[in-house]
Amino acid sequence: MRGEIEGVAGLLADPDPAVVTLAREESQALRTK
């Protein structure tokens, strides 16, 4: 859960397309677990 919050914070701080894609993939991986 902590990593998820940090990921969102990093996304807001650095809206880099690569970071956004990575965060999206990460959240999908968490959901499918």
Protein backbone atom coordinates (compact mmCIF):
# COMPACT_ATOMS: atom_id res chain seq x y z
CA MET A 1 0.00 0.00 0.00
CA ARG A 2 2.83 2.39 0.84
CA GLY A 3 4.42 1.89 -2.58
CA GLU A 4 1.09 2.68 -4.22
CA ILE A 5 0.85 6.03 -2.38
CA GLU A 6 4.46 6.84 -3.24
CA GLY A 7 3.77 5.97 -6.87
CA VAL A 8 0.85 8.39 -7.01
CA ALA A 9 2.92 11.12 -5.34
CA GLY A 10 5.73 10.55 -7.83
CA LEU A 11 3.24 10.63 -10.69
CA LEU A 12 1.91 14.01 -9.57
CA ALA A 13 5.43 15.35 -9.10
CA ASP A 14 6.74 14.01 -12.44
CA PRO A 15 4.01 13.45 -15.07
CA ASP A 16 6.46 11.73 -17.45
CA PRO A 17 4.67 9.49 -19.98
CA ALA A 18 7.03 6.63 -19.13
CA VAL A 19 6.33 7.05 -15.42
CA VAL A 20 2.59 7.18 -16.07
CA THR A 21 2.77 3.96 -18.11
CA LEU A 22 4.84 2.27 -15.41
CA ALA A 23 2.43 3.33 -12.65
CA ARG A 24 -0.53 2.13 -14.71
CA GLU A 25 1.11 -1.27 -15.25
CA GLU A 26 1.94 -1.48 -11.56
CA SER A 27 -1.63 -0.77 -10.47
CA GLN A 28 -2.91 -3.37 -12.94
CA ALA A 29 -0.46 -5.93 -11.53
CA LEU A 30 -1.67 -5.15 -7.99
CA ARG A 31 -5.29 -5.55 -9.07
CA THR A 32 -4.75 -8.94 -10.75
CA LYS A 33 -2.90 -10.38 -7.71
